[in-house]
Amino acid sequence: MDLDGQIKLGHLLLQDRKCRVCGEIKNLVEDFYRTRKDRGAVASSYSYECKDCTIKRIVVSRITSGIFDKWEYPDW
């Protein structure tokens, strides 16, 4: 039985992180995207920007870049 692995995983699930954009403290596992899938479940595998701020950033960048303005229904 691997007790060290279970203790480290349990500690990770209780860890919180402060978002660099909004400044709120949120749960690491639930509220942040994983950026590195090959290194296991360590805190450095998660981004420093929460999911809500990431979604807002992507939506604003797509609106300002004009992606939605250029789309037209194909005329065939």
Protein backbone atom coordinates (compact mmCIF):
# COMPACT_ATOMS: atom_id res chain seq x y z
CA MET A 1 0.00 0.00 0.00
CA ASP A 2 1.42 3.37 -1.04
CA LEU A 3 0.70 5.73 1.86
CA ASP A 4 3.07 8.45 0.66
CA GLY A 5 1.20 8.76 -2.64
CA GLN A 6 -2.14 8.98 -0.87
CA ILE A 7 -0.93 11.65 1.55
CA LYS A 8 0.49 13.79 -1.25
CA LEU A 9 -2.70 13.44 -3.31
CA GLY A 10 -4.88 14.31 -0.32
CA HIS A 11 -2.76 17.38 0.35
CA LEU A 12 -3.09 18.46 -3.28
CA LEU A 13 -6.88 18.26 -3.24
CA LEU A 14 -7.03 20.66 -0.31
CA GLN A 15 -4.63 23.19 -1.79
CA ASP A 16 -5.83 26.62 -2.89
CA ARG A 17 -4.28 29.08 -5.32
CA LYS A 18 -4.69 32.80 -5.90
CA CYS A 19 -5.64 33.78 -9.44
CA ARG A 20 -3.19 36.26 -10.96
CA VAL A 21 -5.94 38.09 -12.86
CA CYS A 22 -8.87 38.49 -10.46
CA GLY A 23 -6.94 37.96 -7.21
CA GLU A 24 -9.46 35.53 -5.71
CA ILE A 25 -8.35 32.42 -3.84
CA LYS A 26 -9.91 29.32 -5.39
CA ASN A 27 -9.60 25.55 -5.25
CA LEU A 28 -6.69 24.36 -7.35
CA VAL A 29 -8.27 21.22 -8.80
CA GLU A 30 -11.76 22.53 -9.51
CA ASP A 31 -11.10 26.11 -10.60
CA PHE A 32 -7.84 25.98 -12.59
CA TYR A 33 -6.99 24.28 -15.89
CA ARG A 34 -4.22 21.71 -16.05
CA THR A 35 -1.44 22.76 -18.38
CA ARG A 36 0.89 19.75 -18.14
CA LYS A 37 -0.64 16.31 -18.30
CA ASP A 38 2.55 14.28 -18.38
CA ARG A 39 4.01 15.29 -15.02
CA GLY A 40 1.34 13.91 -12.74
CA ALA A 41 -0.85 15.72 -10.27
CA VAL A 42 1.48 18.37 -8.86
CA ALA A 43 0.65 22.00 -8.17
CA SER A 44 2.94 23.24 -10.93
CA SER A 45 0.83 21.36 -13.49
CA TYR A 46 -2.00 23.86 -13.11
CA SER A 47 -2.27 27.34 -14.63
CA TYR A 48 -2.13 30.53 -12.59
CA GLU A 49 -5.25 31.96 -14.22
CA CYS A 50 -8.63 30.59 -13.05
CA LYS A 51 -11.14 29.07 -15.46
CA ASP A 52 -13.49 32.05 -15.25
CA CYS A 53 -10.76 34.56 -16.14
CA THR A 54 -9.51 32.32 -18.95
CA ILE A 55 -12.98 32.12 -20.51
CA LYS A 56 -13.44 35.90 -20.25
CA ARG A 57 -10.02 36.52 -21.85
CA ILE A 58 -10.74 34.18 -24.76
CA VAL A 59 -14.20 35.66 -25.45
CA VAL A 60 -12.91 39.24 -25.40
CA SER A 61 -9.96 38.40 -27.65
CA ARG A 62 -12.23 36.68 -30.18
CA ILE A 63 -14.67 39.59 -30.24
CA THR A 64 -11.95 42.23 -30.64
CA SER A 65 -10.07 40.27 -33.31
CA GLY A 66 -13.13 40.27 -35.57
CA ILE A 67 -13.53 36.53 -35.95
CA PHE A 68 -17.29 36.75 -35.48
CA ASP A 69 -17.67 39.70 -37.90
CA LYS A 70 -16.06 37.87 -40.83
CA TRP A 71 -18.24 34.78 -40.64
CA GLU A 72 -20.97 34.49 -43.25
CA TYR A 73 -23.32 31.70 -44.13
CA PRO A 74 -21.96 29.90 -47.19
CA ASP A 75 -23.90 30.64 -50.36
CA TRP A 76 -24.01 27.45 -52.37
